[in-house]
Amino acid sequence: MTKHVLQKLRSDIRRLDHTALSGRAEADVIPFGAPAVDRSLPWGGLPRGALHEIGTPPKAAPSFFASAAGFAAALLARSVAPSGMAIWCQNRRRARRYGQIYGPGLAPYGLDPNRLLMVNAESDADVLWVMEEGLRSSAIQAVLGEVAGLDLTASRRLQLAAEKSGSTAFLLRGPEGAAGNNAALTRWHVRPFILPQEVDKTGAEQVTGWQVALWRCRGGGPAEWKVMWKDEAFYCHMAGAMADRLPAAAVC
């Protein structure tokens, strides 16, 4: 990362520190709002002030990364207050492989592009530096970094930085590094989920589906769900009249 880019990023974060509202989220947990998922997590949701990893299974097709990115975007949106700011940092090389994030395209997941600081980094090391800088800022409530993988030492640094700041850190990765150990509090594998026929009838263009596996969870066990996202809310798919339930509160 060039000196000019580093200086600009530091300047942007300092400016946000001075102008940010004090609207940090009050709860220590980010609820999914889908009871089956929240009940499976020891904290009743995702803890703030922690590191969480979202990725694809080992040897997954590159197309699976889009599903992991969508799921990560939804969680990133739920981790910030309406007046809060978040950072999304991409490795340029990985962006060429998996696609460049387009800010307005994240709106369906509840992310306001005006509340999102997008950063392009030259390497995974630069991505991790950006994440740590963001976690040190009082204006940044959550950071997300796209990396190939993360070792135990680097991930522990992020976990400690998140604990100290109370902000939430997300790692987003493809199949690389899926089996390696790191210090993330939770680790998720995401696959595409083909929407069932009854949902197609409701307007599938407005519904996103993921098959989500919680495969590592400190203090908890593995679990898996078929999850849908509509109107900025999570829903677990159940057999039967899901199309009728979608507009209502989350059901699992």
C-alpha atoms as a PDB file:
ATOM      1  CA  MET A   1       0.000   0.000   0.000  1.00  0.00           C
ATOM      2  CA  THR A   2       1.506   3.337  -1.041  1.00  0.00           C
ATOM      3  CA  LYS A   3       2.360   6.084   1.423  1.00  0.00           C
ATOM      4  CA  HIS A   4      -0.250   8.347  -0.192  1.00  0.00           C
ATOM      5  CA  VAL A   5      -2.996   5.741   0.254  1.00  0.00           C
ATOM      6  CA  LEU A   6      -2.013   5.152   3.885  1.00  0.00           C
ATOM      7  CA  GLN A   7      -2.064   8.873   4.629  1.00  0.00           C
ATOM      8  CA  LYS A   8      -5.454   9.303   2.973  1.00  0.00           C
ATOM      9  CA  LEU A   9      -6.949   6.393   4.906  1.00  0.00           C
ATOM     10  CA  ARG A  10      -5.635   7.743   8.206  1.00  0.00           C
ATOM     11  CA  SER A  11      -7.021  11.174   7.292  1.00  0.00           C
ATOM     12  CA  ASP A  12     -10.436   9.708   6.438  1.00  0.00           C
ATOM     13  CA  ILE A  13     -10.595   7.793   9.723  1.00  0.00           C
ATOM     14  CA  ARG A  14      -9.517  10.848  11.760  1.00  0.00           C
ATOM     15  CA  ARG A  15     -12.196  12.913  10.037  1.00  0.00           C
ATOM     16  CA  LEU A  16     -14.802  10.302  10.909  1.00  0.00           C
ATOM     17  CA  ASP A  17     -13.598  10.243  14.519  1.00  0.00           C
ATOM     18  CA  HIS A  18     -14.275  13.976  14.770  1.00  0.00           C
ATOM     19  CA  THR A  19     -17.641  13.969  13.019  1.00  0.00           C
ATOM     20  CA  ALA A  20     -19.167  10.643  14.085  1.00  0.00           C
ATOM     21  CA  LEU A  21     -22.308  10.595  16.161  1.00  0.00           C
ATOM     22  CA  SER A  22     -22.160   8.661  19.408  1.00  0.00           C
ATOM     23  CA  GLY A  23     -24.766   6.223  18.124  1.00  0.00           C
ATOM     24  CA  ARG A  24     -22.921   3.009  18.834  1.00  0.00           C
ATOM     25  CA  ALA A  25     -25.154  -0.031  19.082  1.00  0.00           C
ATOM     26  CA  GLU A  26     -26.177  -0.705  22.672  1.00  0.00           C
ATOM     27  CA  ALA A  27     -26.457  -4.498  22.593  1.00  0.00           C
ATOM     28  CA  ASP A  28     -23.365  -6.669  23.005  1.00  0.00           C
ATOM     29  CA  VAL A  29     -24.792  -9.209  20.569  1.00  0.00           C
ATOM     30  CA  ILE A  30     -25.816  -9.007  16.908  1.00  0.00           C
ATOM     31  CA  PRO A  31     -29.006 -11.084  16.643  1.00  0.00           C
ATOM     32  CA  PHE A  32     -29.845 -12.882  13.438  1.00  0.00           C
ATOM     33  CA  GLY A  33     -33.524 -12.525  14.293  1.00  0.00           C
ATOM     34  CA  ALA A  34     -34.026 -16.140  13.213  1.00  0.00           C
ATOM     35  CA  PRO A  35     -34.654 -18.053  16.467  1.00  0.00           C
ATOM     36  CA  ALA A  36     -33.091 -21.354  15.370  1.00  0.00           C
ATOM     37  CA  VAL A  37     -29.817 -19.625  14.514  1.00  0.00           C
ATOM     38  CA  ASP A  38     -29.729 -17.406  17.602  1.00  0.00           C
ATOM     39  CA  ARG A  39     -30.506 -20.363  19.891  1.00  0.00           C
ATOM     40  CA  SER A  40     -27.586 -22.323  18.464  1.00  0.00           C
ATOM     41  CA  LEU A  41     -25.099 -19.606  19.392  1.00  0.00           C
ATOM     42  CA  PRO A  42     -24.011 -19.525  23.071  1.00  0.00           C
ATOM     43  CA  TRP A  43     -24.524 -15.758  23.167  1.00  0.00           C
ATOM     44  CA  GLY A  44     -27.951 -15.649  21.485  1.00  0.00           C
ATOM     45  CA  GLY A  45     -26.415 -14.055  18.393  1.00  0.00           C
ATOM     46  CA  LEU A  46     -22.985 -12.939  17.190  1.00  0.00           C
ATOM     47  CA  PRO A  47     -20.940 -11.176  19.889  1.00  0.00           C
ATOM     48  CA  ARG A  48     -19.711  -7.694  19.108  1.00  0.00           C
ATOM     49  CA  GLY A  49     -16.109  -6.917  19.911  1.00  0.00           C
ATOM     50  CA  ALA A  50     -14.995 -10.177  18.311  1.00  0.00           C
ATOM     51  CA  LEU A  51     -13.592 -11.661  15.109  1.00  0.00           C
ATOM     52  CA  HIS A  52     -15.869 -13.780  12.890  1.00  0.00           C
ATOM     53  CA  GLU A  53     -14.827 -15.615   9.720  1.00  0.00           C
ATOM     54  CA  ILE A  54     -17.145 -16.139   6.750  1.00  0.00           C
ATOM     55  CA  GLY A  55     -16.034 -18.185   3.780  1.00  0.00           C
ATOM     56  CA  THR A  56     -16.731 -20.990   1.368  1.00  0.00           C
ATOM     57  CA  PRO A  57     -16.067 -24.690   1.993  1.00  0.00           C
ATOM     58  CA  PRO A  58     -12.740 -26.196   0.863  1.00  0.00           C
ATOM     59  CA  LYS A  59     -12.491 -26.769  -2.907  1.00  0.00           C
ATOM     60  CA  ALA A  60     -15.668 -24.759  -3.507  1.00  0.00           C
ATOM     61  CA  ALA A  61     -16.242 -23.252  -6.931  1.00  0.00           C
ATOM     62  CA  PRO A  62     -15.272 -19.559  -7.250  1.00  0.00           C
ATOM     63  CA  SER A  63     -18.961 -18.755  -7.805  1.00  0.00           C
ATOM     64  CA  PHE A  64     -19.644 -19.728  -4.171  1.00  0.00           C
ATOM     65  CA  PHE A  65     -17.732 -16.642  -3.066  1.00  0.00           C
ATOM     66  CA  ALA A  66     -20.619 -14.398  -4.116  1.00  0.00           C
ATOM     67  CA  SER A  67     -22.871 -16.213  -1.639  1.00  0.00           C
ATOM     68  CA  ALA A  68     -20.332 -15.823   1.159  1.00  0.00           C
ATOM     69  CA  ALA A  69     -19.955 -12.117   0.324  1.00  0.00           C
ATOM     70  CA  GLY A  70     -23.722 -11.583   0.409  1.00  0.00           C
ATOM     71  CA  PHE A  71     -24.051 -13.292   3.784  1.00  0.00           C
ATOM     72  CA  ALA A  72     -21.120 -11.252   5.106  1.00  0.00           C
ATOM     73  CA  ALA A  73     -22.686  -8.027   3.814  1.00  0.00           C
ATOM     74  CA  ALA A  74     -25.932  -8.795   5.642  1.00  0.00           C
ATOM     75  CA  LEU A  75     -24.066  -9.410   8.908  1.00  0.00           C
ATOM     76  CA  LEU A  76     -21.939  -6.301   8.444  1.00  0.00           C
ATOM     77  CA  ALA A  77     -25.101  -4.235   8.009  1.00  0.00           C
ATOM     78  CA  ARG A  78     -26.637  -5.670  11.183  1.00  0.00           C
ATOM     79  CA  SER A  79     -23.480  -4.897  13.168  1.00  0.00           C
ATOM     80  CA  VAL A  80     -23.656  -1.105  12.770  1.00  0.00           C
ATOM     81  CA  ALA A  81     -26.142   1.422  14.118  1.00  0.00           C
ATOM     82  CA  PRO A  82     -28.011   3.637  11.598  1.00  0.00           C
ATOM     83  CA  SER A  83     -25.513   6.433  12.252  1.00  0.00           C
ATOM     84  CA  GLY A  84     -22.497   4.104  12.352  1.00  0.00           C
ATOM     85  CA  MET A  85     -19.708   3.588   9.840  1.00  0.00           C
ATOM     86  CA  ALA A  86     -18.130   0.394   8.544  1.00  0.00           C
ATOM     87  CA  ILE A  87     -15.055  -0.460   6.469  1.00  0.00           C
ATOM     88  CA  TRP A  88     -14.923  -3.007   3.650  1.00  0.00           C
ATOM     89  CA  CYS A  89     -11.361  -3.690   2.487  1.00  0.00           C
ATOM     90  CA  GLN A  90     -10.527  -5.749  -0.601  1.00  0.00           C
ATOM     91  CA  ASN A  91      -7.243  -7.185  -1.789  1.00  0.00           C
ATOM     92  CA  ARG A  92      -6.906  -5.959  -5.396  1.00  0.00           C
ATOM     93  CA  ARG A  93      -5.626  -9.321  -6.589  1.00  0.00           C
ATOM     94  CA  ARG A  94      -8.562 -11.157  -5.048  1.00  0.00           C
ATOM     95  CA  ALA A  95     -10.943  -8.552  -6.450  1.00  0.00           C
ATOM     96  CA  ARG A  96      -9.716  -9.413  -9.933  1.00  0.00           C
ATOM     97  CA  ARG A  97     -10.514 -13.066  -9.266  1.00  0.00           C
ATOM     98  CA  TYR A  98     -13.817 -12.772  -7.421  1.00  0.00           C
ATOM     99  CA  GLY A  99     -15.067  -9.378  -8.552  1.00  0.00           C
ATOM    100  CA  GLN A 100     -14.895  -5.806  -7.327  1.00  0.00           C
ATOM    101  CA  ILE A 101     -17.379  -4.855  -4.634  1.00  0.00           C
ATOM    102  CA  TYR A 102     -19.866  -2.259  -5.890  1.00  0.00           C
ATOM    103  CA  GLY A 103     -21.104  -0.071  -3.033  1.00  0.00           C
ATOM    104  CA  PRO A 104     -24.673   0.614  -4.278  1.00  0.00           C
ATOM    105  CA  GLY A 105     -25.055  -3.110  -4.981  1.00  0.00           C
ATOM    106  CA  LEU A 106     -24.804  -3.749  -1.237  1.00  0.00           C
ATOM    107  CA  ALA A 107     -27.963  -1.743  -0.486  1.00  0.00           C
ATOM    108  CA  PRO A 108     -30.291  -4.806  -0.623  1.00  0.00           C
ATOM    109  CA  TYR A 109     -28.312  -6.206   2.304  1.00  0.00           C
ATOM    110  CA  GLY A 110     -28.996  -3.114   4.383  1.00  0.00           C
ATOM    111  CA  LEU A 111     -25.647  -1.399   3.793  1.00  0.00           C
ATOM    112  CA  ASP A 112     -25.841   2.316   3.045  1.00  0.00           C
ATOM    113  CA  PRO A 113     -22.940   3.144   0.669  1.00  0.00           C
ATOM    114  CA  ASN A 114     -22.699   6.544   2.356  1.00  0.00           C
ATOM    115  CA  ARG A 115     -21.920   4.811   5.674  1.00  0.00           C
ATOM    116  CA  LEU A 116     -19.343   2.458   4.163  1.00  0.00           C
ATOM    117  CA  LEU A 117     -15.666   3.238   3.629  1.00  0.00           C
ATOM    118  CA  MET A 118     -14.397   1.108   0.714  1.00  0.00           C
ATOM    119  CA  VAL A 119     -10.654   0.426   0.621  1.00  0.00           C
ATOM    120  CA  ASN A 120      -8.577  -1.380  -2.026  1.00  0.00           C
ATOM    121  CA  ALA A 121      -5.353  -2.866  -0.668  1.00  0.00           C
ATOM    122  CA  GLU A 122      -2.380  -4.402  -2.454  1.00  0.00           C
ATOM    123  CA  SER A 123      -1.925  -7.448  -0.217  1.00  0.00           C
ATOM    124  CA  ASP A 124      -3.477  -9.436   2.611  1.00  0.00           C
ATOM    125  CA  ALA A 125      -1.013  -7.760   4.988  1.00  0.00           C
ATOM    126  CA  ASP A 126      -2.375  -4.361   3.931  1.00  0.00           C
ATOM    127  CA  VAL A 127      -5.947  -5.597   4.413  1.00  0.00           C
ATOM    128  CA  LEU A 128      -5.122  -6.624   7.985  1.00  0.00           C
ATOM    129  CA  TRP A 129      -3.482  -3.242   8.631  1.00  0.00           C
ATOM    130  CA  VAL A 130      -6.626  -1.449   7.433  1.00  0.00           C
ATOM    131  CA  MET A 131      -8.781  -3.643   9.671  1.00  0.00           C
ATOM    132  CA  GLU A 132      -6.652  -2.883  12.732  1.00  0.00           C
ATOM    133  CA  GLU A 133      -6.694   0.847  11.994  1.00  0.00           C
ATOM    134  CA  GLY A 134     -10.468   0.716  11.655  1.00  0.00           C
ATOM    135  CA  LEU A 135     -10.865  -1.143  14.927  1.00  0.00           C
ATOM    136  CA  ARG A 136      -8.876   1.566  16.702  1.00  0.00           C
ATOM    137  CA  SER A 137     -11.260   4.277  15.478  1.00  0.00           C
ATOM    138  CA  SER A 138     -14.197   5.327  17.636  1.00  0.00           C
ATOM    139  CA  ALA A 139     -16.142   6.132  14.453  1.00  0.00           C
ATOM    140  CA  ILE A 140     -15.914   2.630  12.959  1.00  0.00           C
ATOM    141  CA  GLN A 141     -18.326   0.066  14.371  1.00  0.00           C
ATOM    142  CA  ALA A 142     -17.378  -2.863  12.136  1.00  0.00           C
ATOM    143  CA  VAL A 143     -14.665  -3.824   9.676  1.00  0.00           C
ATOM    144  CA  LEU A 144     -14.620  -6.474   6.971  1.00  0.00           C
ATOM    145  CA  GLY A 145     -11.505  -7.660   5.186  1.00  0.00           C
ATOM    146  CA  GLU A 146     -11.176 -10.022   2.231  1.00  0.00           C
ATOM    147  CA  VAL A 147      -8.159 -12.296   2.647  1.00  0.00           C
ATOM    148  CA  ALA A 148      -6.991 -15.674   1.376  1.00  0.00           C
ATOM    149  CA  GLY A 149      -6.572 -16.967   4.908  1.00  0.00           C
ATOM    150  CA  LEU A 150      -5.261 -15.963   8.299  1.00  0.00           C
ATOM    151  CA  ASP A 151      -2.858 -17.658  10.689  1.00  0.00           C
ATOM    152  CA  LEU A 152      -3.293 -17.912  14.430  1.00  0.00           C
ATOM    153  CA  THR A 153      -0.983 -15.002  15.274  1.00  0.00           C
ATOM    154  CA  ALA A 154      -2.523 -12.470  12.874  1.00  0.00           C
ATOM    155  CA  SER A 155      -6.065 -13.494  13.745  1.00  0.00           C
ATOM    156  CA  ARG A 156      -5.335 -13.196  17.457  1.00  0.00           C
ATOM    157  CA  ARG A 157      -4.172  -9.614  16.894  1.00  0.00           C
ATOM    158  CA  LEU A 158      -7.497  -8.826  15.233  1.00  0.00           C
ATOM    159  CA  GLN A 159      -9.462 -10.596  17.960  1.00  0.00           C
ATOM    160  CA  LEU A 160      -7.669  -8.621  20.674  1.00  0.00           C
ATOM    161  CA  ALA A 161      -8.148  -5.344  18.772  1.00  0.00           C
ATOM    162  CA  ALA A 162     -11.863  -6.078  18.402  1.00  0.00           C
ATOM    163  CA  GLU A 163     -12.188  -6.934  22.099  1.00  0.00           C
ATOM    164  CA  LYS A 164     -10.450  -3.711  23.104  1.00  0.00           C
ATOM    165  CA  SER A 165     -12.548  -1.475  20.854  1.00  0.00           C
ATOM    166  CA  GLY A 166     -15.895  -3.252  21.136  1.00  0.00           C
ATOM    167  CA  SER A 167     -16.204  -3.120  17.343  1.00  0.00           C
ATOM    168  CA  THR A 168     -16.795  -6.222  15.245  1.00  0.00           C
ATOM    169  CA  ALA A 169     -14.366  -7.699  12.719  1.00  0.00           C
ATOM    170  CA  PHE A 170     -15.302  -9.984   9.827  1.00  0.00           C
ATOM    171  CA  LEU A 171     -12.929 -11.996   7.659  1.00  0.00           C
ATOM    172  CA  LEU A 172     -14.246 -12.897   4.217  1.00  0.00           C
ATOM    173  CA  ARG A 173     -12.375 -15.554   2.263  1.00  0.00           C
ATOM    174  CA  GLY A 174     -12.741 -18.062  -0.535  1.00  0.00           C
ATOM    175  CA  PRO A 175     -11.827 -21.756  -0.331  1.00  0.00           C
ATOM    176  CA  GLU A 176      -8.183 -20.901   0.367  1.00  0.00           C
ATOM    177  CA  GLY A 177      -7.322 -21.290   4.023  1.00  0.00           C
ATOM    178  CA  ALA A 178     -10.629 -22.954   4.836  1.00  0.00           C
ATOM    179  CA  ALA A 179      -9.063 -25.655   6.979  1.00  0.00           C
ATOM    180  CA  GLY A 180      -6.393 -23.583   8.728  1.00  0.00           C
ATOM    181  CA  ASN A 181      -6.618 -22.658  12.395  1.00  0.00           C
ATOM    182  CA  ASN A 182      -7.253 -19.103  13.510  1.00  0.00           C
ATOM    183  CA  ALA A 183      -8.587 -17.207  16.512  1.00  0.00           C
ATOM    184  CA  ALA A 184     -12.007 -16.283  15.092  1.00  0.00           C
ATOM    185  CA  LEU A 185     -14.799 -16.716  17.625  1.00  0.00           C
ATOM    186  CA  THR A 186     -17.093 -18.189  14.967  1.00  0.00           C
ATOM    187  CA  ARG A 187     -16.309 -19.642  11.527  1.00  0.00           C
ATOM    188  CA  TRP A 188     -18.921 -20.077   8.804  1.00  0.00           C
ATOM    189  CA  HIS A 189     -19.127 -21.896   5.480  1.00  0.00           C
ATOM    190  CA  VAL A 190     -21.629 -20.516   2.973  1.00  0.00           C
ATOM    191  CA  ARG A 191     -23.030 -22.170  -0.158  1.00  0.00           C
ATOM    192  CA  PRO A 192     -25.693 -20.997  -2.607  1.00  0.00           C
ATOM    193  CA  PHE A 193     -29.219 -22.120  -1.756  1.00  0.00           C
ATOM    194  CA  ILE A 194     -31.626 -22.645  -4.640  1.00  0.00           C
ATOM    195  CA  LEU A 195     -34.891 -21.040  -3.614  1.00  0.00           C
ATOM    196  CA  PRO A 196     -37.814 -23.463  -3.293  1.00  0.00           C
ATOM    197  CA  GLN A 197     -40.709 -23.262  -5.724  1.00  0.00           C
ATOM    198  CA  GLU A 198     -43.107 -21.698  -3.233  1.00  0.00           C
ATOM    199  CA  VAL A 199     -40.708 -18.787  -2.709  1.00  0.00           C
ATOM    200  CA  ASP A 200     -40.250 -18.315  -6.462  1.00  0.00           C
ATOM    201  CA  LYS A 201     -43.938 -17.445  -6.678  1.00  0.00           C
ATOM    202  CA  THR A 202     -43.505 -14.545  -4.238  1.00  0.00           C
ATOM    203  CA  GLY A 203     -40.928 -12.735  -6.380  1.00  0.00           C
ATOM    204  CA  ALA A 204     -37.605 -14.524  -6.060  1.00  0.00           C
ATOM    205  CA  GLU A 205     -35.722 -11.522  -7.388  1.00  0.00           C
ATOM    206  CA  GLN A 206     -36.273  -9.971  -3.957  1.00  0.00           C
ATOM    207  CA  VAL A 207     -35.087 -13.026  -1.982  1.00  0.00           C
ATOM    208  CA  THR A 208     -31.544 -14.311  -1.515  1.00  0.00           C
ATOM    209  CA  GLY A 209     -30.827 -17.826  -0.274  1.00  0.00           C
ATOM    210  CA  TRP A 210     -27.797 -19.328   1.463  1.00  0.00           C
ATOM    211  CA  GLN A 211     -26.951 -22.705   2.924  1.00  0.00           C
ATOM    212  CA  VAL A 212     -25.025 -21.697   6.024  1.00  0.00           C
ATOM    213  CA  ALA A 213     -22.875 -23.966   8.184  1.00  0.00           C
ATOM    214  CA  LEU A 214     -21.520 -22.867  11.555  1.00  0.00           C
ATOM    215  CA  TRP A 215     -18.549 -25.241  11.615  1.00  0.00           C
ATOM    216  CA  ARG A 216     -16.495 -23.711  14.417  1.00  0.00           C
ATOM    217  CA  CYS A 217     -17.936 -21.910  17.430  1.00  0.00           C
ATOM    218  CA  ARG A 218     -16.132 -21.259  20.683  1.00  0.00           C
ATOM    219  CA  GLY A 219     -18.314 -22.704  23.414  1.00  0.00           C
ATOM    220  CA  GLY A 220     -20.811 -24.159  20.942  1.00  0.00           C
ATOM    221  CA  GLY A 221     -21.230 -26.928  18.413  1.00  0.00           C
ATOM    222  CA  PRO A 222     -21.630 -27.135  14.643  1.00  0.00           C
ATOM    223  CA  ALA A 223     -24.995 -26.486  13.017  1.00  0.00           C
ATOM    224  CA  GLU A 224     -26.404 -25.844   9.557  1.00  0.00           C
ATOM    225  CA  TRP A 225     -29.402 -23.969   8.137  1.00  0.00           C
ATOM    226  CA  LYS A 226     -30.965 -22.958   4.865  1.00  0.00           C
ATOM    227  CA  VAL A 227     -31.336 -19.230   5.291  1.00  0.00           C
ATOM    228  CA  MET A 228     -33.170 -16.652   3.199  1.00  0.00           C
ATOM    229  CA  TRP A 229     -32.759 -12.885   3.215  1.00  0.00           C
ATOM    230  CA  LYS A 230     -35.653 -10.581   2.381  1.00  0.00           C
ATOM    231  CA  ASP A 231     -36.468  -7.018   3.405  1.00  0.00           C
ATOM    232  CA  GLU A 232     -33.243  -6.806   5.454  1.00  0.00           C
ATOM    233  CA  ALA A 233     -34.173  -9.810   7.614  1.00  0.00           C
ATOM    234  CA  PHE A 234     -33.063 -13.439   7.943  1.00  0.00           C
ATOM    235  CA  TYR A 235     -35.507 -16.323   7.605  1.00  0.00           C
ATOM    236  CA  CYS A 236     -34.800 -20.034   7.993  1.00  0.00           C
ATOM    237  CA  HIS A 237     -36.375 -22.171   5.291  1.00  0.00           C
ATOM    238  CA  MET A 238     -38.899 -24.704   6.524  1.00  0.00           C
ATOM    239  CA  ALA A 239     -40.978 -27.107   4.477  1.00  0.00           C
ATOM    240  CA  GLY A 240     -44.455 -25.820   3.847  1.00  0.00           C
ATOM    241  CA  ALA A 241     -45.974 -22.422   3.286  1.00  0.00           C
ATOM    242  CA  MET A 242     -42.769 -20.382   3.499  1.00  0.00           C
ATOM    243  CA  ALA A 243     -44.092 -17.996   0.867  1.00  0.00           C
ATOM    244  CA  ASP A 244     -46.872 -17.033   3.244  1.00  0.00           C
ATOM    245  CA  ARG A 245     -44.475 -16.509   6.143  1.00  0.00           C
ATOM    246  CA  LEU A 246     -41.846 -14.391   4.436  1.00  0.00           C
ATOM    247  CA  PRO A 247     -43.434 -10.982   5.054  1.00  0.00           C
ATOM    248  CA  ALA A 248     -43.874 -11.762   8.756  1.00  0.00           C
ATOM    249  CA  ALA A 249     -41.284 -11.881  11.536  1.00  0.00           C
ATOM    250  CA  ALA A 250     -38.336 -14.243  11.144  1.00  0.00           C
ATOM    251  CA  VAL A 251     -39.291 -17.866  11.617  1.00  0.00           C
ATOM    252  CA  CYS A 252     -37.146 -20.935  12.216  1.00  0.00           C
END
